[in-house]
PDB file of all heavy atoms in Angstrom:
ATOM      1  N   ALA A   1       2.391   7.737  14.172  1.00  0.00           N
ATOM      2  CA  ALA A   1       1.137   7.023  13.852  1.00  0.00           C
ATOM      3  C   ALA A   1       1.406   5.708  13.136  1.00  0.00           C
ATOM      4  O   ALA A   1       2.436   5.519  12.491  1.00  0.00           O
ATOM      5  CB  ALA A   1       0.247   7.911  13.007  1.00  0.00           C
ATOM      6  N   ALA A   2       0.435   4.808  13.242  1.00  0.00           N
ATOM      7  CA  ALA A   2       0.563   3.511  12.576  1.00  0.00           C
ATOM      8  C   ALA A   2       0.695   3.659  11.066  1.00  0.00           C
ATOM      9  O   ALA A   2       1.323   2.826  10.421  1.00  0.00           O
ATOM     10  CB  ALA A   2      -0.659   2.662  12.928  1.00  0.00           C
ATOM     11  N   ALA A   3       0.116   4.703  10.504  1.00  0.00           N
ATOM     12  CA  ALA A   3       0.205   4.910   9.049  1.00  0.00           C
ATOM     13  C   ALA A   3       1.657   5.009   8.593  1.00  0.00           C
ATOM     14  O   ALA A   3       2.009   4.527   7.515  1.00  0.00           O
ATOM     15  CB  ALA A   3      -0.575   6.171   8.650  1.00  0.00           C
ATOM     16  N   ASP A   4       2.521   5.609   9.408  1.00  0.00           N
ATOM     17  CA  ASP A   4       3.939   5.722   9.048  1.00  0.00           C
ATOM     18  C   ASP A   4       4.598   4.352   9.035  1.00  0.00           C
ATOM     19  O   ASP A   4       5.445   4.057   8.179  1.00  0.00           O
ATOM     20  CB  ASP A   4       4.665   6.653  10.015  1.00  0.00           C
ATOM     21  CG  ASP A   4       4.135   8.075   9.928  1.00  0.00           C
ATOM     22  OD1 ASP A   4       4.002   8.595   8.818  1.00  0.00           O
ATOM     23  OD2 ASP A   4       3.850   8.671  10.983  1.00  0.00           O
ATOM     24  N   ARG A   5       4.259   3.507   9.978  1.00  0.00           N
ATOM     25  CA  ARG A   5       4.830   2.164  10.022  1.00  0.00           C
ATOM     26  C   ARG A   5       4.298   1.291   8.882  1.00  0.00           C
ATOM     27  O   ARG A   5       5.038   0.483   8.316  1.00  0.00           O
ATOM     28  CB  ARG A   5       4.579   1.543  11.392  1.00  0.00           C
ATOM     29  CG  ARG A   5       5.368   2.219  12.505  1.00  0.00           C
ATOM     30  CD  ARG A   5       5.182   1.539  13.843  1.00  0.00           C
ATOM     31  NE  ARG A   5       3.831   1.743  14.402  1.00  0.00           N
ATOM     32  CZ  ARG A   5       3.481   2.830  15.076  1.00  0.00           C
ATOM     33  NH1 ARG A   5       4.334   3.810  15.269  1.00  0.00           N
ATOM     34  NH2 ARG A   5       2.251   2.931  15.589  1.00  0.00           N
ATOM     35  N   ARG A   6       3.024   1.462   8.532  1.00  0.00           N
ATOM     36  CA  ARG A   6       2.495   0.734   7.370  1.00  0.00           C
ATOM     37  C   ARG A   6       3.233   1.164   6.110  1.00  0.00           C
ATOM     38  O   ARG A   6       3.542   0.329   5.255  1.00  0.00           O
ATOM     39  CB  ARG A   6       1.001   0.992   7.215  1.00  0.00           C
ATOM     40  CG  ARG A   6       0.115   0.229   8.181  1.00  0.00           C
ATOM     41  CD  ARG A   6      -1.331   0.268   7.729  1.00  0.00           C
ATOM     42  NE  ARG A   6      -1.880   1.602   7.663  1.00  0.00           N
ATOM     43  CZ  ARG A   6      -2.431   2.245   8.682  1.00  0.00           C
ATOM     44  NH1 ARG A   6      -2.511   1.644   9.867  1.00  0.00           N
ATOM     45  NH2 ARG A   6      -2.921   3.473   8.550  1.00  0.00           N
ATOM     46  N   ARG A   7       3.497   2.442   5.999  1.00  0.00           N
ATOM     47  CA  ARG A   7       4.210   2.959   4.798  1.00  0.00           C
ATOM     48  C   ARG A   7       5.612   2.367   4.753  1.00  0.00           C
ATOM     49  O   ARG A   7       6.109   1.991   3.689  1.00  0.00           O
ATOM     50  CB  ARG A   7       4.248   4.470   4.856  1.00  0.00           C
ATOM     51  CG  ARG A   7       4.694   5.129   3.554  1.00  0.00           C
ATOM     52  CD  ARG A   7       4.595   6.640   3.653  1.00  0.00           C
ATOM     53  NE  ARG A   7       3.219   7.054   3.880  1.00  0.00           N
ATOM     54  CZ  ARG A   7       2.800   7.736   4.933  1.00  0.00           C
ATOM     55  NH1 ARG A   7       3.656   8.080   5.904  1.00  0.00           N
ATOM     56  NH2 ARG A   7       1.547   8.096   5.070  1.00  0.00           N
ATOM     57  N   PHE A   8       6.271   2.298   5.887  1.00  0.00           N
ATOM     58  CA  PHE A   8       7.616   1.685   5.989  1.00  0.00           C
ATOM     59  C   PHE A   8       7.558   0.210   5.553  1.00  0.00           C
ATOM     60  O   PHE A   8       8.397  -0.234   4.764  1.00  0.00           O
ATOM     61  CB  PHE A   8       8.103   1.810   7.429  1.00  0.00           C
ATOM     62  CG  PHE A   8       9.427   1.173   7.706  1.00  0.00           C
ATOM     63  CD1 PHE A   8      10.598   1.734   7.264  1.00  0.00           C
ATOM     64  CD2 PHE A   8       9.483  -0.005   8.461  1.00  0.00           C
ATOM     65  CE1 PHE A   8      11.834   1.152   7.525  1.00  0.00           C
ATOM     66  CE2 PHE A   8      10.715  -0.595   8.748  1.00  0.00           C
ATOM     67  CZ  PHE A   8      11.885  -0.027   8.267  1.00  0.00           C
ATOM     68  N   LEU A   9       6.577  -0.509   6.057  1.00  0.00           N
ATOM     69  CA  LEU A   9       6.421  -1.919   5.698  1.00  0.00           C
ATOM     70  C   LEU A   9       6.096  -2.086   4.214  1.00  0.00           C
ATOM     71  O   LEU A   9       6.649  -2.965   3.547  1.00  0.00           O
ATOM     72  CB  LEU A   9       5.314  -2.538   6.541  1.00  0.00           C
ATOM     73  CG  LEU A   9       4.924  -3.988   6.239  1.00  0.00           C
ATOM     74  CD1 LEU A   9       6.126  -4.924   6.393  1.00  0.00           C
ATOM     75  CD2 LEU A   9       3.785  -4.420   7.148  1.00  0.00           C
ATOM     76  N   ASP A  10       5.242  -1.216   3.689  1.00  0.00           N
ATOM     77  CA  ASP A  10       4.857  -1.344   2.286  1.00  0.00           C
ATOM     78  C   ASP A  10       6.018  -0.994   1.354  1.00  0.00           C
ATOM     79  O   ASP A  10       6.132  -1.551   0.256  1.00  0.00           O
ATOM     80  CB  ASP A  10       3.638  -0.468   1.988  1.00  0.00           C
ATOM     81  CG  ASP A  10       2.340  -1.057   2.532  1.00  0.00           C
ATOM     82  OD1 ASP A  10       2.268  -2.295   2.636  1.00  0.00           O
ATOM     83  OD2 ASP A  10       1.413  -0.279   2.845  1.00  0.00           O
ATOM     84  N   ARG A  11       6.878  -0.096   1.777  1.00  0.00           N
ATOM     85  CA  ARG A  11       8.073   0.198   0.970  1.00  0.00           C
ATOM     86  C   ARG A  11       8.983  -1.032   0.935  1.00  0.00           C
ATOM     87  O   ARG A  11       9.543  -1.354  -0.110  1.00  0.00           O
ATOM     88  CB  ARG A  11       8.802   1.402   1.580  1.00  0.00           C
ATOM     89  CG  ARG A  11      10.199   1.685   1.024  1.00  0.00           C
ATOM     90  CD  ARG A  11      10.272   1.872  -0.450  1.00  0.00           C
ATOM     91  NE  ARG A  11       9.464   2.971  -0.930  1.00  0.00           N
ATOM     92  CZ  ARG A  11       9.341   3.288  -2.208  1.00  0.00           C
ATOM     93  NH1 ARG A  11       9.959   2.561  -3.122  1.00  0.00           N
ATOM     94  NH2 ARG A  11       8.577   4.280  -2.577  1.00  0.00           N
ATOM     95  N   ILE A  12       9.105  -1.734   2.040  1.00  0.00           N
ATOM     96  CA  ILE A  12       9.886  -2.972   2.070  1.00  0.00           C
ATOM     97  C   ILE A  12       9.264  -4.002   1.125  1.00  0.00           C
ATOM     98  O   ILE A  12       9.920  -4.631   0.322  1.00  0.00           O
ATOM     99  CB  ILE A  12       9.982  -3.527   3.500  1.00  0.00           C
ATOM    100  CG1 ILE A  12      10.837  -2.609   4.373  1.00  0.00           C
ATOM    101  CG2 ILE A  12      10.572  -4.949   3.491  1.00  0.00           C
ATOM    102  CD1 ILE A  12      10.781  -2.970   5.859  1.00  0.00           C
ATOM    103  N   ALA A  13       7.933  -4.162   1.238  1.00  0.00           N
ATOM    104  CA  ALA A  13       7.217  -5.149   0.419  1.00  0.00           C
ATOM    105  C   ALA A  13       7.343  -4.819  -1.062  1.00  0.00           C
ATOM    106  O   ALA A  13       7.467  -5.722  -1.906  1.00  0.00           O
ATOM    107  CB  ALA A  13       5.745  -5.187   0.830  1.00  0.00           C
ATOM    108  N   LEU A  14       7.340  -3.539  -1.404  1.00  0.00           N
ATOM    109  CA  LEU A  14       7.436  -3.118  -2.802  1.00  0.00           C
ATOM    110  C   LEU A  14       8.741  -3.579  -3.434  1.00  0.00           C
ATOM    111  O   LEU A  14       8.794  -3.876  -4.638  1.00  0.00           O
ATOM    112  CB  LEU A  14       7.318  -1.602  -2.890  1.00  0.00           C
ATOM    113  CG  LEU A  14       7.326  -0.967  -4.274  1.00  0.00           C
ATOM    114  CD1 LEU A  14       6.121  -1.445  -5.091  1.00  0.00           C
ATOM    115  CD2 LEU A  14       7.316   0.558  -4.148  1.00  0.00           C
ATOM    116  N   GLY A  15       9.806  -3.660  -2.645  1.00  0.00           N
ATOM    117  CA  GLY A  15      11.085  -4.119  -3.187  1.00  0.00           C
ATOM    118  C   GLY A  15      11.022  -5.545  -3.668  1.00  0.00           C
ATOM    119  O   GLY A  15      11.683  -5.917  -4.655  1.00  0.00           O
ATOM    120  N   PHE A  16      10.230  -6.371  -2.990  1.00  0.00           N
ATOM    121  CA  PHE A  16      10.109  -7.770  -3.388  1.00  0.00           C
ATOM    122  C   PHE A  16       9.005  -8.004  -4.412  1.00  0.00           C
ATOM    123  O   PHE A  16       9.091  -8.937  -5.211  1.00  0.00           O
ATOM    124  CB  PHE A  16       9.821  -8.637  -2.154  1.00  0.00           C
ATOM    125  CG  PHE A  16      10.906  -8.588  -1.115  1.00  0.00           C
ATOM    126  CD1 PHE A  16      10.773  -7.842   0.041  1.00  0.00           C
ATOM    127  CD2 PHE A  16      12.094  -9.296  -1.321  1.00  0.00           C
ATOM    128  CE1 PHE A  16      11.767  -7.789   0.985  1.00  0.00           C
ATOM    129  CE2 PHE A  16      13.121  -9.239  -0.371  1.00  0.00           C
ATOM    130  CZ  PHE A  16      12.957  -8.488   0.781  1.00  0.00           C
ATOM    131  N   GLU A  17       7.978  -7.172  -4.393  1.00  0.00           N
ATOM    132  CA  GLU A  17       6.850  -7.321  -5.303  1.00  0.00           C
ATOM    133  C   GLU A  17       6.510  -5.965  -5.904  1.00  0.00           C
ATOM    134  O   GLU A  17       5.803  -5.154  -5.329  1.00  0.00           O
ATOM    135  CB  GLU A  17       5.642  -7.871  -4.554  1.00  0.00           C
ATOM    136  CG  GLU A  17       4.378  -7.980  -5.390  1.00  0.00           C
ATOM    137  CD  GLU A  17       4.604  -8.608  -6.750  1.00  0.00           C
ATOM    138  OE1 GLU A  17       4.937  -9.813  -6.793  1.00  0.00           O
ATOM    139  OE2 GLU A  17       4.462  -7.889  -7.756  1.00  0.00           O
ATOM    140  N   PRO A  18       7.056  -5.659  -7.119  1.00  0.00           N
ATOM    141  CA  PRO A  18       6.842  -4.338  -7.714  1.00  0.00           C
ATOM    142  C   PRO A  18       5.376  -3.970  -7.933  1.00  0.00           C
ATOM    143  O   PRO A  18       5.041  -2.790  -7.993  1.00  0.00           O
ATOM    144  CB  PRO A  18       7.588  -4.447  -9.052  1.00  0.00           C
ATOM    145  CG  PRO A  18       8.616  -5.501  -8.835  1.00  0.00           C
ATOM    146  CD  PRO A  18       7.972  -6.482  -7.904  1.00  0.00           C
ATOM    147  N   GLY A  19       4.485  -4.980  -8.046  1.00  0.00           N
ATOM    148  CA  GLY A  19       3.076  -4.680  -8.250  1.00  0.00           C
ATOM    149  C   GLY A  19       2.322  -4.299  -6.979  1.00  0.00           C
ATOM    150  O   GLY A  19       1.135  -3.987  -7.010  1.00  0.00           O
ATOM    151  N   HIS A  20       3.039  -4.314  -5.835  1.00  0.00           N
ATOM    152  CA  HIS A  20       2.397  -4.033  -4.555  1.00  0.00           C
ATOM    153  C   HIS A  20       1.781  -2.635  -4.516  1.00  0.00           C
ATOM    154  O   HIS A  20       0.720  -2.424  -3.943  1.00  0.00           O
ATOM    155  CB  HIS A  20       3.410  -4.211  -3.418  1.00  0.00           C
ATOM    156  CG  HIS A  20       2.853  -4.047  -2.056  1.00  0.00           C
ATOM    157  ND1 HIS A  20       1.889  -4.891  -1.524  1.00  0.00           N
ATOM    158  CD2 HIS A  20       3.092  -3.102  -1.092  1.00  0.00           C
ATOM    159  CE1 HIS A  20       1.585  -4.498  -0.310  1.00  0.00           C
ATOM    160  NE2 HIS A  20       2.292  -3.430   0.000  1.00  0.00           N
ATOM    161  N   ALA A  21       2.444  -1.669  -5.131  1.00  0.00           N
ATOM    162  CA  ALA A  21       1.944  -0.299  -5.117  1.00  0.00           C
ATOM    163  C   ALA A  21       0.617  -0.209  -5.872  1.00  0.00           C
ATOM    164  O   ALA A  21      -0.330   0.429  -5.410  1.00  0.00           O
ATOM    165  CB  ALA A  21       2.954   0.654  -5.734  1.00  0.00           C
ATOM    166  N   GLU A  22       0.537  -0.844  -7.039  1.00  0.00           N
ATOM    167  CA  GLU A  22      -0.725  -0.803  -7.802  1.00  0.00           C
ATOM    168  C   GLU A  22      -1.854  -1.498  -7.051  1.00  0.00           C
ATOM    169  O   GLU A  22      -2.992  -1.045  -7.063  1.00  0.00           O
ATOM    170  CB  GLU A  22      -0.505  -1.461  -9.182  1.00  0.00           C
ATOM    171  CG  GLU A  22       0.385  -0.654 -10.105  1.00  0.00           C
ATOM    172  CD  GLU A  22       0.517  -1.300 -11.475  1.00  0.00           C
ATOM    173  OE1 GLU A  22       0.089  -2.465 -11.624  1.00  0.00           O
ATOM    174  OE2 GLU A  22       1.026  -0.625 -12.384  1.00  0.00           O
ATOM    175  N   THR A  23      -1.519  -2.600  -6.376  1.00  0.00           N
ATOM    176  CA  THR A  23      -2.532  -3.288  -5.566  1.00  0.00           C
ATOM    177  C   THR A  23      -3.050  -2.384  -4.448  1.00  0.00           C
ATOM    178  O   THR A  23      -4.238  -2.310  -4.195  1.00  0.00           O
ATOM    179  CB  THR A  23      -1.947  -4.586  -4.970  1.00  0.00           C
ATOM    180  OG1 THR A  23      -1.444  -5.418  -6.013  1.00  0.00           O
ATOM    181  CG2 THR A  23      -3.026  -5.357  -4.221  1.00  0.00           C
ATOM    182  N   SER A  24      -2.121  -1.697  -3.794  1.00  0.00           N
ATOM    183  CA  SER A  24      -2.485  -0.805  -2.704  1.00  0.00           C
ATOM    184  C   SER A  24      -3.344   0.361  -3.186  1.00  0.00           C
ATOM    185  O   SER A  24      -4.326   0.755  -2.531  1.00  0.00           O
ATOM    186  CB  SER A  24      -1.239  -0.286  -2.001  1.00  0.00           C
ATOM    187  OG  SER A  24      -0.477  -1.344  -1.451  1.00  0.00           O
ATOM    188  N   ILE A  25      -3.010   0.909  -4.349  1.00  0.00           N
ATOM    189  CA  ILE A  25      -3.787   2.008  -4.927  1.00  0.00           C
ATOM    190  C   ILE A  25      -5.191   1.541  -5.247  1.00  0.00           C
ATOM    191  O   ILE A  25      -6.180   2.248  -4.985  1.00  0.00           O
ATOM    192  CB  ILE A  25      -3.071   2.568  -6.176  1.00  0.00           C
ATOM    193  CG1 ILE A  25      -1.805   3.300  -5.751  1.00  0.00           C
ATOM    194  CG2 ILE A  25      -3.994   3.508  -6.930  1.00  0.00           C
ATOM    195  CD1 ILE A  25      -0.914   3.682  -6.920  1.00  0.00           C
ATOM    196  N   ALA A  26      -5.313   0.342  -5.830  1.00  0.00           N
ATOM    197  CA  ALA A  26      -6.632  -0.181  -6.162  1.00  0.00           C
ATOM    198  C   ALA A  26      -7.477  -0.388  -4.907  1.00  0.00           C
ATOM    199  O   ALA A  26      -8.699  -0.118  -4.896  1.00  0.00           O
ATOM    200  CB  ALA A  26      -6.496  -1.517  -6.915  1.00  0.00           C
ATOM    201  N   TYR A  27      -6.857  -0.870  -3.836  1.00  0.00           N
ATOM    202  CA  TYR A  27      -7.564  -1.071  -2.571  1.00  0.00           C
ATOM    203  C   TYR A  27      -8.066   0.272  -2.017  1.00  0.00           C
ATOM    204  O   TYR A  27      -9.233   0.404  -1.629  1.00  0.00           O
ATOM    205  CB  TYR A  27      -6.639  -1.741  -1.562  1.00  0.00           C
ATOM    206  CG  TYR A  27      -7.238  -1.934  -0.193  1.00  0.00           C
ATOM    207  CD1 TYR A  27      -8.010  -3.057   0.109  1.00  0.00           C
ATOM    208  CD2 TYR A  27      -7.062  -0.982   0.800  1.00  0.00           C
ATOM    209  CE1 TYR A  27      -8.591  -3.227   1.375  1.00  0.00           C
ATOM    210  CE2 TYR A  27      -7.623  -1.151   2.070  1.00  0.00           C
ATOM    211  CZ  TYR A  27      -8.373  -2.265   2.325  1.00  0.00           C
ATOM    212  OH  TYR A  27      -8.943  -2.417   3.573  1.00  0.00           O
ATOM    213  N   GLU A  28      -7.174   1.261  -1.985  1.00  0.00           N
ATOM    214  CA  GLU A  28      -7.539   2.567  -1.447  1.00  0.00           C
ATOM    215  C   GLU A  28      -8.632   3.227  -2.273  1.00  0.00           C
ATOM    216  O   GLU A  28      -9.559   3.844  -1.724  1.00  0.00           O
ATOM    217  CB  GLU A  28      -6.305   3.486  -1.410  1.00  0.00           C
ATOM    218  CG  GLU A  28      -5.243   3.047  -0.424  1.00  0.00           C
ATOM    219  CD  GLU A  28      -5.603   3.335   1.007  1.00  0.00           C
ATOM    220  OE1 GLU A  28      -6.504   4.193   1.243  1.00  0.00           O
ATOM    221  OE2 GLU A  28      -5.011   2.718   1.919  1.00  0.00           O
ATOM    222  N   LYS A  29      -8.567   3.073  -3.589  1.00  0.00           N
ATOM    223  CA  LYS A  29      -9.584   3.687  -4.455  1.00  0.00           C
ATOM    224  C   LYS A  29     -10.946   3.053  -4.190  1.00  0.00           C
ATOM    225  O   LYS A  29     -11.962   3.769  -4.083  1.00  0.00           O
ATOM    226  CB  LYS A  29      -9.184   3.475  -5.924  1.00  0.00           C
ATOM    227  CG  LYS A  29     -10.139   4.102  -6.914  1.00  0.00           C
ATOM    228  CD  LYS A  29      -9.647   3.905  -8.348  1.00  0.00           C
ATOM    229  CE  LYS A  29     -10.617   4.516  -9.338  1.00  0.00           C
ATOM    230  NZ  LYS A  29     -10.127   4.304 -10.760  1.00  0.00           N
ATOM    231  N   ALA A  30     -11.021   1.726  -4.071  1.00  0.00           N
ATOM    232  CA  ALA A  30     -12.284   1.048  -3.785  1.00  0.00           C
ATOM    233  C   ALA A  30     -12.799   1.427  -2.404  1.00  0.00           C
ATOM    234  O   ALA A  30     -14.006   1.615  -2.206  1.00  0.00           O
ATOM    235  CB  ALA A  30     -12.110  -0.467  -3.905  1.00  0.00           C
ATOM    236  N   MET A  31     -11.900   1.560  -1.440  1.00  0.00           N
ATOM    237  CA  MET A  31     -12.307   1.909  -0.091  1.00  0.00           C
ATOM    238  C   MET A  31     -12.905   3.327  -0.045  1.00  0.00           C
ATOM    239  O   MET A  31     -13.915   3.583   0.620  1.00  0.00           O
ATOM    240  CB  MET A  31     -11.143   1.787   0.884  1.00  0.00           C
ATOM    241  CG  MET A  31     -11.528   2.096   2.325  1.00  0.00           C
ATOM    242  SD  MET A  31     -10.213   1.778   3.516  1.00  0.00           S
ATOM    243  CE  MET A  31      -9.001   3.012   2.981  1.00  0.00           C
ATOM    244  N   ARG A  32     -12.275   4.257  -0.727  1.00  0.00           N
ATOM    245  CA  ARG A  32     -12.792   5.641  -0.745  1.00  0.00           C
ATOM    246  C   ARG A  32     -14.195   5.681  -1.371  1.00  0.00           C
ATOM    247  O   ARG A  32     -15.081   6.375  -0.899  1.00  0.00           O
ATOM    248  CB  ARG A  32     -11.835   6.557  -1.496  1.00  0.00           C
ATOM    249  CG  ARG A  32     -10.548   6.864  -0.729  1.00  0.00           C
ATOM    250  CD  ARG A  32      -9.824   8.041  -1.351  1.00  0.00           C
ATOM    251  NE  ARG A  32      -9.437   7.789  -2.724  1.00  0.00           N
ATOM    252  CZ  ARG A  32      -8.278   7.251  -3.084  1.00  0.00           C
ATOM    253  NH1 ARG A  32      -7.381   6.936  -2.156  1.00  0.00           N
ATOM    254  NH2 ARG A  32      -7.980   7.068  -4.345  1.00  0.00           N
ATOM    255  N   ALA A  33     -14.365   4.907  -2.459  1.00  0.00           N
ATOM    256  CA  ALA A  33     -15.688   4.869  -3.092  1.00  0.00           C
ATOM    257  C   ALA A  33     -16.731   4.247  -2.158  1.00  0.00           C
ATOM    258  O   ALA A  33     -17.880   4.713  -2.090  1.00  0.00           O
ATOM    259  CB  ALA A  33     -15.607   4.074  -4.401  1.00  0.00           C
ATOM    260  N   ARG A  34     -16.349   3.192  -1.461  1.00  0.00           N
ATOM    261  CA  ARG A  34     -17.268   2.576  -0.485  1.00  0.00           C
ATOM    262  C   ARG A  34     -17.636   3.555   0.620  1.00  0.00           C
ATOM    263  O   ARG A  34     -18.804   3.654   1.013  1.00  0.00           O
ATOM    264  CB  ARG A  34     -16.617   1.317   0.103  1.00  0.00           C
ATOM    265  CG  ARG A  34     -17.479   0.614   1.152  1.00  0.00           C
ATOM    266  CD  ARG A  34     -16.756  -0.622   1.674  1.00  0.00           C
ATOM    267  NE  ARG A  34     -17.567  -1.373   2.634  1.00  0.00           N
ATOM    268  CZ  ARG A  34     -17.557  -1.189   3.952  1.00  0.00           C
ATOM    269  NH1 ARG A  34     -16.745  -0.244   4.464  1.00  0.00           N
ATOM    270  NH2 ARG A  34     -18.319  -1.923   4.756  1.00  0.00           N
TER     271      ARG A  34
END
């Protein structure tokens, strides 16, 4: 599934930007509430 490839990409991105995980969590939290 595409979700696995997004996770792979986000793990790569996290290496360059440590705050990427917190940004992603904030996005998912707001989306679930919406």
